[in-house]
PDB file of N, CA and C in Angstrom:
ATOM      1  N   MET A   1       0.825  -1.061  -0.294  1.00  0.00           N
ATOM      2  CA  MET A   1      -0.117   0.179  -0.242  1.00  0.00           C
ATOM      3  C   MET A   1       0.537   1.156   0.143  1.00  0.00           C
ATOM      4  N   ILE A   2       0.388   2.473  -1.092  1.00  0.00           N
ATOM      5  CA  ILE A   2       1.330   3.094  -0.988  1.00  0.00           C
ATOM      6  C   ILE A   2       1.270   4.320   0.609  1.00  0.00           C
ATOM      7  N   ASN A   3       1.609   4.653   1.225  1.00  0.00           N
ATOM      8  CA  ASN A   3       1.167   5.961   1.998  1.00  0.00           C
ATOM      9  C   ASN A   3       0.880   7.700   1.743  1.00  0.00           C
ATOM     10  N   ASP A   4       0.751   8.311   2.725  1.00  0.00           N
ATOM     11  CA  ASP A   4       0.040   9.316   2.099  1.00  0.00           C
ATOM     12  C   ASP A   4       1.510  10.329   1.159  1.00  0.00           C
ATOM     13  N   LYS A   5       3.006  10.197   2.312  1.00  0.00           N
ATOM     14  CA  LYS A   5       3.807  10.623   2.614  1.00  0.00           C
ATOM     15  C   LYS A   5       4.621  10.433   1.016  1.00  0.00           C
ATOM     16  N   ASP A   6       4.343   9.023   0.456  1.00  0.00           N
ATOM     17  CA  ASP A   6       4.988   8.570  -0.584  1.00  0.00           C
ATOM     18  C   ASP A   6       3.610   9.394  -1.866  1.00  0.00           C
ATOM     19  N   LEU A   7       2.836   9.516  -1.788  1.00  0.00           N
ATOM     20  CA  LEU A   7       1.976  10.303  -2.748  1.00  0.00           C
ATOM     21  C   LEU A   7       1.917  11.471  -2.966  1.00  0.00           C
ATOM     22  N   PHE A   8       2.279  12.055  -1.984  1.00  0.00           N
ATOM     23  CA  PHE A   8       2.455  13.996  -1.799  1.00  0.00           C
ATOM     24  C   PHE A   8       3.908  14.527  -2.266  1.00  0.00           C
ATOM     25  N   HIS A   9       4.482  12.966  -2.083  1.00  0.00           N
ATOM     26  CA  HIS A   9       6.592  13.656  -2.431  1.00  0.00           C
ATOM     27  C   HIS A   9       6.129  13.209  -4.078  1.00  0.00           C
ATOM     28  N   GLY A  10       5.344  12.090  -4.347  1.00  0.00           N
ATOM     29  CA  GLY A  10       5.772  11.757  -5.777  1.00  0.00           C
ATOM     30  C   GLY A  10       4.634  12.867  -6.824  1.00  0.00           C
ATOM     31  N   ALA A  11       4.170  13.639  -6.147  1.00  0.00           N
ATOM     32  CA  ALA A  11       2.917  14.542  -6.938  1.00  0.00           C
ATOM     33  C   ALA A  11       4.377  15.698  -7.545  1.00  0.00           C
ATOM     34  N   VAL A  12       5.170  15.943  -6.338  1.00  0.00           N
ATOM     35  CA  VAL A  12       6.184  17.324  -6.271  1.00  0.00           C
ATOM     36  C   VAL A  12       6.541  15.821  -6.887  1.00  0.00           C
ATOM     37  N   PHE A  13       7.984  15.041  -7.343  1.00  0.00           N
ATOM     38  CA  PHE A  13       8.242  14.324  -8.064  1.00  0.00           C
ATOM     39  C   PHE A  13       8.046  14.349  -9.853  1.00  0.00           C
ATOM     40  N   SER A  14       6.756  14.085  -9.905  1.00  0.00           N
ATOM     41  CA  SER A  14       6.494  13.801 -10.986  1.00  0.00           C
ATOM     42  C   SER A  14       6.448  15.248 -11.848  1.00  0.00           C
ATOM     43  N   ARG A  15       6.287  17.085 -11.219  1.00  0.00           N
ATOM     44  CA  ARG A  15       6.466  17.936 -11.911  1.00  0.00           C
ATOM     45  C   ARG A  15       7.691  18.011 -12.109  1.00  0.00           C
ATOM     46  N   ILE A  16       8.418  17.271 -11.375  1.00  0.00           N
ATOM     47  CA  ILE A  16       9.920  17.791 -11.653  1.00  0.00           C
ATOM     48  C   ILE A  16      10.762  17.168 -12.348  1.00  0.00           C
ATOM     49  N   ILE A  17       9.920  16.204 -12.640  1.00  0.00           N
ATOM     50  CA  ILE A  17      10.648  15.252 -13.671  1.00  0.00           C
ATOM     51  C   ILE A  17       9.739  15.380 -15.090  1.00  0.00           C
ATOM     52  N   SER A  18       8.625  16.670 -15.627  1.00  0.00           N
ATOM     53  CA  SER A  18       7.856  16.498 -16.411  1.00  0.00           C
ATOM     54  C   SER A  18       8.954  17.159 -17.185  1.00  0.00           C
ATOM     55  N   GLU A  19       9.523  17.950 -16.710  1.00  0.00           N
ATOM     56  CA  GLU A  19      10.565  19.016 -17.081  1.00  0.00           C
ATOM     57  C   GLU A  19      11.426  18.538 -18.139  1.00  0.00           C
ATOM     58  N   ARG A  20      12.576  18.302 -17.297  1.00  0.00           N
ATOM     59  CA  ARG A  20      13.936  17.273 -17.603  1.00  0.00           C
ATOM     60  C   ARG A  20      13.810  15.912 -17.164  1.00  0.00           C
ATOM     61  N   ALA A  21      15.037  15.321 -17.871  1.00  0.00           N
ATOM     62  CA  ALA A  21      15.884  14.404 -16.566  1.00  0.00           C
ATOM     63  C   ALA A  21      16.125  14.742 -15.620  1.00  0.00           C
ATOM     64  N   VAL A  22      16.297  14.402 -14.680  1.00  0.00           N
ATOM     65  CA  VAL A  22      16.667  14.711 -13.171  1.00  0.00           C
ATOM     66  C   VAL A  22      17.264  13.313 -12.666  1.00  0.00           C
ATOM     67  N   TYR A  23      17.797  13.192 -11.424  1.00  0.00           N
ATOM     68  CA  TYR A  23      18.400  12.336 -10.601  1.00  0.00           C
ATOM     69  C   TYR A  23      18.055  12.961  -9.369  1.00  0.00           C
ATOM     70  N   ILE A  24      17.763  12.244  -9.218  1.00  0.00           N
ATOM     71  CA  ILE A  24      17.148  12.474  -7.561  1.00  0.00           C
ATOM     72  C   ILE A  24      17.570  11.350  -6.003  1.00  0.00           C
ATOM     73  N   LYS A  25      18.088  12.168  -5.515  1.00  0.00           N
ATOM     74  CA  LYS A  25      18.026  10.945  -4.202  1.00  0.00           C
ATOM     75  C   LYS A  25      17.806  12.055  -2.588  1.00  0.00           C
ATOM     76  N   LYS A  26      17.717  10.935  -1.282  1.00  0.00           N
ATOM     77  CA  LYS A  26      17.413  11.738  -0.342  1.00  0.00           C
ATOM     78  C   LYS A  26      19.054  11.784   0.167  1.00  0.00           C
ATOM     79  N   HIS A  27      18.328  13.622   1.223  1.00  0.00           N
ATOM     80  CA  HIS A  27      19.474  14.119   1.475  1.00  0.00           C
ATOM     81  C   HIS A  27      19.922  13.373   3.243  1.00  0.00           C
ATOM     82  N   ASN A  28      20.563  12.909   2.902  1.00  0.00           N
ATOM     83  CA  ASN A  28      21.024  12.563   4.583  1.00  0.00           C
ATOM     84  C   ASN A  28      19.790  11.512   5.299  1.00  0.00           C
ATOM     85  N   ASN A  29      19.534  11.216   4.044  1.00  0.00           N
ATOM     86  CA  ASN A  29      18.141   9.767   4.360  1.00  0.00           C
ATOM     87  C   ASN A  29      16.797  10.654   5.245  1.00  0.00           C
ATOM     88  N   ASN A  30      16.769  11.852   5.386  1.00  0.00           N
ATOM     89  CA  ASN A  30      15.470  12.317   5.908  1.00  0.00           C
ATOM     90  C   ASN A  30      14.263  12.368   5.123  1.00  0.00           C
ATOM     91  N   ILE A  31      13.253  11.864   5.590  1.00  0.00           N
ATOM     92  CA  ILE A  31      12.289  11.580   4.697  1.00  0.00           C
ATOM     93  C   ILE A  31      11.699  12.938   4.099  1.00  0.00           C
ATOM     94  N   SER A  32      12.124  13.945   4.331  1.00  0.00           N
ATOM     95  CA  SER A  32      11.622  15.089   3.472  1.00  0.00           C
ATOM     96  C   SER A  32      12.480  15.632   3.029  1.00  0.00           C
ATOM     97  N   SER A  33      13.531  15.997   2.561  1.00  0.00           N
ATOM     98  CA  SER A  33      14.481  16.232   1.852  1.00  0.00           C
ATOM     99  C   SER A  33      15.424  15.622   0.520  1.00  0.00           C
ATOM    100  N   TYR A  34      16.156  15.809  -0.253  1.00  0.00           N
ATOM    101  CA  TYR A  34      15.928  15.500  -1.371  1.00  0.00           C
ATOM    102  C   TYR A  34      17.441  16.570  -2.590  1.00  0.00           C
ATOM    103  N   VAL A  35      18.096  16.042  -3.074  1.00  0.00           N
ATOM    104  CA  VAL A  35      18.894  16.565  -3.740  1.00  0.00           C
ATOM    105  C   VAL A  35      18.478  16.722  -5.210  1.00  0.00           C
ATOM    106  N   ILE A  36      18.439  17.078  -5.767  1.00  0.00           N
ATOM    107  CA  ILE A  36      18.157  17.145  -7.449  1.00  0.00           C
ATOM    108  C   ILE A  36      19.593  17.131  -8.171  1.00  0.00           C
ATOM    109  N   ASN A  37      19.540  16.390  -9.047  1.00  0.00           N
ATOM    110  CA  ASN A  37      20.902  16.495  -9.363  1.00  0.00           C
ATOM    111  C   ASN A  37      22.216  16.782  -9.021  1.00  0.00           C
ATOM    112  N   ASP A  38      22.367  16.383  -8.000  1.00  0.00           N
ATOM    113  CA  ASP A  38      23.530  17.139  -7.162  1.00  0.00           C
ATOM    114  C   ASP A  38      23.616  18.398  -7.318  1.00  0.00           C
ATOM    115  N   LYS A  39      22.955  18.945  -7.647  1.00  0.00           N
ATOM    116  CA  LYS A  39      23.353  20.591  -7.262  1.00  0.00           C
ATOM    117  C   LYS A  39      22.170  21.059  -6.409  1.00  0.00           C
ATOM    118  N   SER A  40      20.859  20.932  -6.697  1.00  0.00           N
ATOM    119  CA  SER A  40      19.769  21.635  -5.598  1.00  0.00           C
ATOM    120  C   SER A  40      19.020  20.478  -4.383  1.00  0.00           C
ATOM    121  N   ALA A  41      18.558  21.525  -3.896  1.00  0.00           N
ATOM    122  CA  ALA A  41      17.325  20.478  -2.590  1.00  0.00           C
ATOM    123  C   ALA A  41      15.922  21.280  -2.967  1.00  0.00           C
ATOM    124  N   ILE A  42      15.405  19.811  -2.406  1.00  0.00           N
ATOM    125  CA  ILE A  42      14.064  20.422  -2.278  1.00  0.00           C
ATOM    126  C   ILE A  42      13.549  20.174  -1.068  1.00  0.00           C
ATOM    127  N   TYR A  43      12.669  20.651  -0.009  1.00  0.00           N
ATOM    128  CA  TYR A  43      12.565  19.882   0.961  1.00  0.00           C
ATOM    129  C   TYR A  43      10.986  20.033   0.601  1.00  0.00           C
ATOM    130  N   ILE A  44      10.271  19.354   1.553  1.00  0.00           N
ATOM    131  CA  ILE A  44       8.658  19.226   0.703  1.00  0.00           C
ATOM    132  C   ILE A  44       8.177  18.534   2.385  1.00  0.00           C
ATOM    133  N   LYS A  45       7.288  18.915   2.384  1.00  0.00           N
ATOM    134  CA  LYS A  45       5.828  19.488   3.257  1.00  0.00           C
ATOM    135  C   LYS A  45       4.799  19.299   2.705  1.00  0.00           C
ATOM    136  N   TYR A  46       3.081  18.593   3.563  1.00  0.00           N
ATOM    137  CA  TYR A  46       2.254  18.660   2.859  1.00  0.00           C
ATOM    138  C   TYR A  46       1.580  18.354   3.918  1.00  0.00           C
ATOM    139  N   SER A  47       0.105  19.025   3.763  1.00  0.00           N
ATOM    140  CA  SER A  47      -0.484  18.951   4.891  1.00  0.00           C
ATOM    141  C   SER A  47      -1.972  17.861   4.300  1.00  0.00           C
ATOM    142  N   GLN A  48      -2.644  17.184   5.319  1.00  0.00           N
ATOM    143  CA  GLN A  48      -3.895  16.344   4.930  1.00  0.00           C
ATOM    144  C   GLN A  48      -4.991  17.237   4.913  1.00  0.00           C
ATOM    145  N   LYS A  49      -5.197  18.379   5.911  1.00  0.00           N
ATOM    146  CA  LYS A  49      -6.348  19.256   5.835  1.00  0.00           C
ATOM    147  C   LYS A  49      -6.722  19.591   4.449  1.00  0.00           C
ATOM    148  N   ARG A  50      -7.807  19.063   3.850  1.00  0.00           N
ATOM    149  CA  ARG A  50      -8.944  18.893   3.137  1.00  0.00           C
ATOM    150  C   ARG A  50      -9.319  20.908   2.533  1.00  0.00           C
ATOM    151  N   ILE A  51      -9.210  21.406   3.570  1.00  0.00           N
ATOM    152  CA  ILE A  51      -9.340  22.649   2.917  1.00  0.00           C
ATOM    153  C   ILE A  51      -8.770  23.959   3.587  1.00  0.00           C
ATOM    154  N   SER A  52      -8.315  25.090   3.074  1.00  0.00           N
ATOM    155  CA  SER A  52      -7.251  26.031   2.957  1.00  0.00           C
ATOM    156  C   SER A  52      -7.744  26.498   4.260  1.00  0.00           C
ATOM    157  N   PRO A  53      -7.604  27.258   4.812  1.00  0.00           N
ATOM    158  CA  PRO A  53      -5.698  27.834   4.814  1.00  0.00           C
ATOM    159  C   PRO A  53      -4.705  26.212   5.323  1.00  0.00           C
ATOM    160  N   TRP A  54      -3.917  25.728   4.958  1.00  0.00           N
ATOM    161  CA  TRP A  54      -3.087  25.174   5.132  1.00  0.00           C
ATOM    162  C   TRP A  54      -1.722  25.638   5.826  1.00  0.00           C
ATOM    163  N   ILE A  55      -1.693  25.187   7.315  1.00  0.00           N
ATOM    164  CA  ILE A  55      -0.524  25.532   8.230  1.00  0.00           C
ATOM    165  C   ILE A  55       0.232  24.505   8.147  1.00  0.00           C
ATOM    166  N   PHE A  56       1.411  25.260   7.519  1.00  0.00           N
ATOM    167  CA  PHE A  56       2.560  24.465   7.986  1.00  0.00           C
ATOM    168  C   PHE A  56       3.605  24.194   9.493  1.00  0.00           C
ATOM    169  N   THR A  57       4.002  23.849  10.655  1.00  0.00           N
ATOM    170  CA  THR A  57       5.000  23.703  11.314  1.00  0.00           C
ATOM    171  C   THR A  57       6.404  23.522  11.281  1.00  0.00           C
ATOM    172  N   PHE A  58       6.991  23.075  11.494  1.00  0.00           N
ATOM    173  CA  PHE A  58       8.068  22.586  11.806  1.00  0.00           C
ATOM    174  C   PHE A  58       8.771  22.860  13.413  1.00  0.00           C
ATOM    175  N   ALA A  59       8.897  21.901  13.285  1.00  0.00           N
ATOM    176  CA  ALA A  59       9.800  20.793  14.839  1.00  0.00           C
ATOM    177  C   ALA A  59      11.151  21.364  13.989  1.00  0.00           C
ATOM    178  N   GLN A  60      11.831  21.725  15.676  1.00  0.00           N
ATOM    179  CA  GLN A  60      13.352  22.086  15.519  1.00  0.00           C
ATOM    180  C   GLN A  60      14.266  20.965  14.417  1.00  0.00           C
ATOM    181  N   THR A  61      13.625  19.305  14.646  1.00  0.00           N
ATOM    182  CA  THR A  61      14.562  18.299  13.876  1.00  0.00           C
ATOM    183  C   THR A  61      13.960  18.980  11.992  1.00  0.00           C
ATOM    184  N   HIS A  62      12.805  19.735  12.165  1.00  0.00           N
ATOM    185  CA  HIS A  62      13.135  20.071  10.859  1.00  0.00           C
ATOM    186  C   HIS A  62      14.065  20.977  10.754  1.00  0.00           C
ATOM    187  N   VAL A  63      13.890  22.380  11.297  1.00  0.00           N
ATOM    188  CA  VAL A  63      14.556  23.221  11.206  1.00  0.00           C
ATOM    189  C   VAL A  63      15.580  23.226  10.973  1.00  0.00           C
ATOM    190  N   ASP A  64      16.484  21.949  11.958  1.00  0.00           N
ATOM    191  CA  ASP A  64      17.833  21.696  11.779  1.00  0.00           C
ATOM    192  C   ASP A  64      18.834  21.185  10.489  1.00  0.00           C
ATOM    193  N   GLU A  65      17.463  20.501   9.620  1.00  0.00           N
ATOM    194  CA  GLU A  65      17.644  19.534   8.280  1.00  0.00           C
ATOM    195  C   GLU A  65      17.998  20.842   7.307  1.00  0.00           C
ATOM    196  N   ILE A  66      16.349  21.810   7.201  1.00  0.00           N
ATOM    197  CA  ILE A  66      16.145  22.550   6.370  1.00  0.00           C
ATOM    198  C   ILE A  66      18.615  23.572   6.547  1.00  0.00           C
ATOM    199  N   LYS A  67      18.714  24.154   8.006  1.00  0.00           N
ATOM    200  CA  LYS A  67      19.909  24.721   8.218  1.00  0.00           C
ATOM    201  C   LYS A  67      21.184  23.833   7.354  1.00  0.00           C
ATOM    202  N   LYS A  68      21.161  22.097   7.437  1.00  0.00           N
ATOM    203  CA  LYS A  68      22.183  21.558   6.716  1.00  0.00           C
ATOM    204  C   LYS A  68      22.114  21.964   5.530  1.00  0.00           C
ATOM    205  N   ILE A  69      20.759  22.021   4.980  1.00  0.00           N
ATOM    206  CA  ILE A  69      20.696  22.020   3.953  1.00  0.00           C
ATOM    207  C   ILE A  69      20.982  23.123   2.949  1.00  0.00           C
ATOM    208  N   LYS A  70      21.161  24.094   3.350  1.00  0.00           N
ATOM    209  CA  LYS A  70      20.633  25.474   3.395  1.00  0.00           C
ATOM    210  C   LYS A  70      22.993  25.980   3.244  1.00  0.00           C
ATOM    211  N   ASP A  71      23.601  24.957   3.792  1.00  0.00           N
ATOM    212  CA  ASP A  71      24.752  25.750   3.776  1.00  0.00           C
ATOM    213  C   ASP A  71      25.394  24.906   3.354  1.00  0.00           C
ATOM    214  N   GLY A  72      24.731  23.210   2.682  1.00  0.00           N
ATOM    215  CA  GLY A  72      25.536  22.718   1.319  1.00  0.00           C
ATOM    216  C   GLY A  72      25.392  23.201  -0.025  1.00  0.00           C
ATOM    217  N   PHE A  73      23.741  23.129   0.158  1.00  0.00           N
ATOM    218  CA  PHE A  73      22.733  24.097  -1.329  1.00  0.00           C
ATOM    219  C   PHE A  73      22.930  25.165  -1.484  1.00  0.00           C
ATOM    220  N   LYS A  74      23.597  26.157  -2.601  1.00  0.00           N
ATOM    221  CA  LYS A  74      23.028  27.170  -2.941  1.00  0.00           C
ATOM    222  C   LYS A  74      21.073  27.709  -3.528  1.00  0.00           C
ATOM    223  N   ASP A  75      20.900  26.109  -4.251  1.00  0.00           N
ATOM    224  CA  ASP A  75      19.257  26.464  -4.319  1.00  0.00           C
ATOM    225  C   ASP A  75      18.496  25.682  -3.201  1.00  0.00           C
ATOM    226  N   VAL A  76      17.828  26.006  -2.429  1.00  0.00           N
ATOM    227  CA  VAL A  76      17.132  25.294  -1.806  1.00  0.00           C
ATOM    228  C   VAL A  76      15.727  25.494  -2.067  1.00  0.00           C
ATOM    229  N   LEU A  77      14.396  25.022  -2.192  1.00  0.00           N
ATOM    230  CA  LEU A  77      13.525  24.270  -2.866  1.00  0.00           C
ATOM    231  C   LEU A  77      12.681  23.503  -1.758  1.00  0.00           C
ATOM    232  N   PHE A  78      11.053  24.687  -1.359  1.00  0.00           N
ATOM    233  CA  PHE A  78      10.533  24.273  -0.622  1.00  0.00           C
ATOM    234  C   PHE A  78       9.047  24.152  -1.186  1.00  0.00           C
ATOM    235  N   CYS A  79       8.527  23.003  -0.975  1.00  0.00           N
ATOM    236  CA  CYS A  79       7.336  22.170  -1.827  1.00  0.00           C
ATOM    237  C   CYS A  79       6.620  21.627  -1.113  1.00  0.00           C
TER     238      CYS A  79
END
């Protein structure tokens, strides 16, 4: 069975790869951050709430991971 995280992350990846060929890998085995073509990083958050406004919270572990990404890559995307 495909879990919600995989569905939401897959939607992001689908949009990215529809534009061009890319290589995507996890960043530090974190479930929310990925590296694209060894050049850019992406951090994915999702909400299961059906109706907006969608509010996203970032725990300290999320902030720490984002700081690691920011230190290693010039371009960091949030999706």
